[in-house]
Amino acid sequence: MSNELMKEKELTELLRDLVWLNAVIATELIQITENSSQILHKCPPPDSCLRDHQSLRETALLIAERCRPGTALKEHLTNHQ
């Protein structure tokens, strides 16, 4: 394999890692937002927010799974409260 092809493969893997990591960060920030809202308002976030957040989580998970299938992210998100 040529040096240039190896560099391209390494760059592709790095980009996959970064996209996956950003999806993880996004889902965790959504959870932090929900938890903070619940603590500050002493009640759960509005249903409309929870629905929107769930949709955002699902989108981030699809992106993460496309880049790094088979990680524990899906199971982790399923257990979020």
N, C-alpha and C. Protein backbone atom coordinates (compact mmCIF):
# COMPACT_ATOMS: atom_id res chain seq x y z
N MET A 1 0.84 -1.17 0.00
CA MET A 1 0.00 0.00 0.00
C MET A 1 0.89 1.24 0.00
N SER A 2 0.56 2.20 -0.86
CA SER A 2 1.39 3.40 -0.95
C SER A 2 1.23 4.26 0.29
N ASN A 3 2.22 5.10 0.51
CA ASN A 3 2.23 5.99 1.66
C ASN A 3 1.03 6.94 1.60
N GLU A 4 0.72 7.44 0.43
CA GLU A 4 -0.40 8.36 0.27
C GLU A 4 -1.73 7.67 0.58
N LEU A 5 -1.87 6.45 0.15
CA LEU A 5 -3.09 5.68 0.42
C LEU A 5 -3.23 5.39 1.92
N MET A 6 -2.11 5.11 2.57
CA MET A 6 -2.13 4.88 4.02
C MET A 6 -2.55 6.15 4.76
N LYS A 7 -2.03 7.30 4.33
CA LYS A 7 -2.40 8.56 4.95
C LYS A 7 -3.88 8.85 4.75
N GLU A 8 -4.40 8.56 3.57
CA GLU A 8 -5.81 8.77 3.30
C GLU A 8 -6.68 7.87 4.18
N LYS A 9 -6.25 6.62 4.34
CA LYS A 9 -6.99 5.68 5.21
C LYS A 9 -6.95 6.16 6.66
N GLU A 10 -5.80 6.61 7.12
CA GLU A 10 -5.68 7.12 8.49
C GLU A 10 -6.55 8.35 8.69
N LEU A 11 -6.60 9.23 7.70
CA LEU A 11 -7.42 10.43 7.78
C LEU A 11 -8.90 10.05 7.82
N THR A 12 -9.30 9.10 7.02
CA THR A 12 -10.68 8.63 7.01
C THR A 12 -11.06 8.07 8.38
N GLU A 13 -10.19 7.27 8.97
CA GLU A 13 -10.46 6.70 10.29
C GLU A 13 -10.53 7.79 11.35
N LEU A 14 -9.66 8.77 11.26
CA LEU A 14 -9.68 9.87 12.21
C LEU A 14 -10.99 10.64 12.10
N LEU A 15 -11.44 10.90 10.89
CA LEU A 15 -12.70 11.61 10.69
C LEU A 15 -13.88 10.80 11.23
N ARG A 16 -13.86 9.49 11.02
CA ARG A 16 -14.90 8.62 11.58
C ARG A 16 -14.91 8.72 13.11
N ASP A 17 -13.73 8.68 13.70
CA ASP A 17 -13.61 8.79 15.15
C ASP A 17 -14.17 10.12 15.64
N LEU A 18 -13.83 11.19 14.96
CA LEU A 18 -14.27 12.52 15.39
C LEU A 18 -15.79 12.69 15.24
N VAL A 19 -16.34 12.19 14.16
CA VAL A 19 -17.79 12.27 13.98
C VAL A 19 -18.49 11.45 15.06
N TRP A 20 -17.99 10.25 15.32
CA TRP A 20 -18.57 9.40 16.36
C TRP A 20 -18.50 10.10 17.72
N LEU A 21 -17.33 10.64 18.04
CA LEU A 21 -17.15 11.31 19.32
C LEU A 21 -18.08 12.52 19.45
N ASN A 22 -18.25 13.27 18.39
CA ASN A 22 -19.16 14.42 18.43
C ASN A 22 -20.60 13.97 18.64
N ALA A 23 -20.98 12.85 18.07
CA ALA A 23 -22.33 12.32 18.29
C ALA A 23 -22.51 11.93 19.75
N VAL A 24 -21.50 11.34 20.34
CA VAL A 24 -21.55 10.99 21.77
C VAL A 24 -21.69 12.25 22.60
N ILE A 25 -20.89 13.24 22.32
CA ILE A 25 -20.94 14.51 23.05
C ILE A 25 -22.32 15.15 22.91
N ALA A 26 -22.87 15.12 21.72
CA ALA A 26 -24.19 15.71 21.49
C ALA A 26 -25.25 15.02 22.34
N THR A 27 -25.23 13.71 22.38
CA THR A 27 -26.25 13.01 23.16
C THR A 27 -26.09 13.27 24.65
N GLU A 28 -24.87 13.37 25.11
CA GLU A 28 -24.64 13.67 26.53
C GLU A 28 -25.07 15.09 26.87
N LEU A 29 -24.84 16.03 25.97
CA LEU A 29 -25.28 17.41 26.22
C LEU A 29 -26.79 17.51 26.27
N ILE A 30 -27.47 16.75 25.43
CA ILE A 30 -28.93 16.73 25.49
C ILE A 30 -29.38 16.25 26.86
N GLN A 31 -28.74 15.20 27.35
CA GLN A 31 -29.11 14.66 28.66
C GLN A 31 -28.81 15.64 29.78
N ILE A 32 -27.69 16.31 29.70
CA ILE A 32 -27.33 17.32 30.71
C ILE A 32 -28.36 18.44 30.70
N THR A 33 -28.78 18.85 29.52
CA THR A 33 -29.79 19.91 29.40
C THR A 33 -31.10 19.48 30.06
N GLU A 34 -31.54 18.26 29.78
CA GLU A 34 -32.78 17.77 30.39
C GLU A 34 -32.64 17.69 31.91
N ASN A 35 -31.55 17.15 32.38
CA ASN A 35 -31.34 17.01 33.82
C ASN A 35 -31.28 18.37 34.51
N SER A 36 -30.57 19.32 33.90
CA SER A 36 -30.45 20.66 34.47
C SER A 36 -31.81 21.35 34.52
N SER A 37 -32.57 21.21 33.45
CA SER A 37 -33.91 21.80 33.41
C SER A 37 -34.78 21.23 34.52
N GLN A 38 -34.72 19.93 34.69
CA GLN A 38 -35.53 19.29 35.72
C GLN A 38 -35.13 19.77 37.11
N ILE A 39 -33.85 19.92 37.34
CA ILE A 39 -33.37 20.39 38.65
C ILE A 39 -33.79 21.84 38.88
N LEU A 40 -33.60 22.70 37.88
CA LEU A 40 -33.91 24.12 38.05
C LEU A 40 -35.41 24.39 38.20
N HIS A 41 -36.22 23.68 37.41
CA HIS A 41 -37.66 23.94 37.41
C HIS A 41 -38.42 23.03 38.37
N LYS A 42 -37.70 22.07 38.93
CA LYS A 42 -38.31 21.11 39.87
C LYS A 42 -39.48 20.35 39.25
N CYS A 43 -39.36 20.12 37.95
CA CYS A 43 -40.35 19.31 37.23
C CYS A 43 -39.70 18.88 35.91
N PRO A 44 -40.21 17.83 35.31
CA PRO A 44 -39.63 17.36 34.05
C PRO A 44 -39.76 18.42 32.96
N PRO A 45 -38.88 18.37 31.97
CA PRO A 45 -39.01 19.29 30.83
C PRO A 45 -40.35 19.05 30.12
N PRO A 46 -40.83 20.04 29.40
CA PRO A 46 -42.08 19.87 28.67
C PRO A 46 -42.00 18.69 27.69
N ASP A 47 -43.14 18.06 27.46
CA ASP A 47 -43.20 16.92 26.55
C ASP A 47 -42.66 17.26 25.17
N SER A 48 -42.92 18.47 24.70
CA SER A 48 -42.44 18.85 23.37
C SER A 48 -40.91 18.84 23.32
N CYS A 49 -40.27 19.29 24.40
CA CYS A 49 -38.80 19.26 24.46
C CYS A 49 -38.30 17.81 24.50
N LEU A 50 -38.96 17.01 25.31
CA LEU A 50 -38.53 15.60 25.41
C LEU A 50 -38.64 14.90 24.06
N ARG A 51 -39.71 15.18 23.32
CA ARG A 51 -39.87 14.58 21.98
C ARG A 51 -38.78 15.07 21.04
N ASP A 52 -38.52 16.38 21.06
CA ASP A 52 -37.47 16.94 20.20
C ASP A 52 -36.11 16.35 20.56
N HIS A 53 -35.83 16.26 21.86
CA HIS A 53 -34.55 15.71 22.30
C HIS A 53 -34.40 14.26 21.87
N GLN A 54 -35.48 13.50 21.96
CA GLN A 54 -35.42 12.09 21.54
C GLN A 54 -35.10 12.00 20.05
N SER A 55 -35.71 12.85 19.27
CA SER A 55 -35.44 12.87 17.83
C SER A 55 -33.97 13.23 17.55
N LEU A 56 -33.46 14.20 18.30
CA LEU A 56 -32.06 14.59 18.14
C LEU A 56 -31.12 13.45 18.55
N ARG A 57 -31.46 12.76 19.63
CA ARG A 57 -30.66 11.60 20.06
C ARG A 57 -30.63 10.53 18.98
N GLU A 58 -31.80 10.25 18.41
CA GLU A 58 -31.89 9.22 17.37
C GLU A 58 -31.06 9.59 16.15
N THR A 59 -31.08 10.86 15.77
CA THR A 59 -30.27 11.32 14.64
C THR A 59 -28.78 11.18 14.95
N ALA A 60 -28.38 11.61 16.14
CA ALA A 60 -26.97 11.49 16.53
C ALA A 60 -26.55 10.02 16.57
N LEU A 61 -27.44 9.16 17.05
CA LEU A 61 -27.12 7.74 17.09
C LEU A 61 -26.96 7.16 15.69
N LEU A 62 -27.82 7.55 14.76
CA LEU A 62 -27.68 7.08 13.37
C LEU A 62 -26.33 7.49 12.79
N ILE A 63 -25.94 8.72 13.07
CA ILE A 63 -24.64 9.21 12.57
C ILE A 63 -23.51 8.41 13.22
N ALA A 64 -23.60 8.22 14.53
CA ALA A 64 -22.54 7.49 15.24
C ALA A 64 -22.46 6.05 14.75
N GLU A 65 -23.60 5.41 14.58
CA GLU A 65 -23.62 4.01 14.14
C GLU A 65 -23.08 3.86 12.72
N ARG A 66 -23.30 4.86 11.89
CA ARG A 66 -22.77 4.82 10.53
C ARG A 66 -21.24 4.88 10.54
N CYS A 67 -20.70 5.64 11.50
CA CYS A 67 -19.24 5.80 11.58
C CYS A 67 -18.58 4.68 12.36
N ARG A 68 -19.22 4.27 13.44
CA ARG A 68 -18.65 3.23 14.31
C ARG A 68 -19.76 2.29 14.76
N PRO A 69 -20.16 1.37 13.89
CA PRO A 69 -21.23 0.45 14.28
C PRO A 69 -20.79 -0.47 15.43
N GLY A 70 -21.77 -0.84 16.24
CA GLY A 70 -21.50 -1.82 17.28
C GLY A 70 -20.88 -1.29 18.56
N THR A 71 -20.88 0.03 18.74
CA THR A 71 -20.35 0.55 20.01
C THR A 71 -21.45 0.46 21.06
N ALA A 72 -21.15 0.84 22.26
CA ALA A 72 -22.11 0.76 23.37
C ALA A 72 -23.03 1.98 23.42
N LEU A 73 -22.94 2.87 22.46
CA LEU A 73 -23.72 4.10 22.54
C LEU A 73 -25.22 3.83 22.56
N LYS A 74 -25.70 2.95 21.71
CA LYS A 74 -27.13 2.64 21.67
C LYS A 74 -27.63 2.14 23.02
N GLU A 75 -26.90 1.22 23.60
CA GLU A 75 -27.29 0.68 24.91
C GLU A 75 -27.24 1.77 25.97
N HIS A 76 -26.25 2.63 25.90
CA HIS A 76 -26.12 3.71 26.87
C HIS A 76 -27.31 4.67 26.76
N LEU A 77 -27.67 5.03 25.54
CA LEU A 77 -28.78 5.96 25.35
C LEU A 77 -30.10 5.37 25.80
N THR A 78 -30.24 4.07 25.64
CA THR A 78 -31.45 3.40 26.06
C THR A 78 -31.63 3.51 27.58
N ASN A 79 -30.53 3.59 28.31
CA ASN A 79 -30.59 3.64 29.76
C ASN A 79 -30.58 5.04 30.33
N HIS A 80 -30.52 6.07 29.47
CA HIS A 80 -30.54 7.44 29.97
C HIS A 80 -31.84 7.74 30.67
N GLN A 81 -31.74 8.48 31.76
CA GLN A 81 -32.93 8.93 32.48
C GLN A 81 -32.82 10.40 32.74
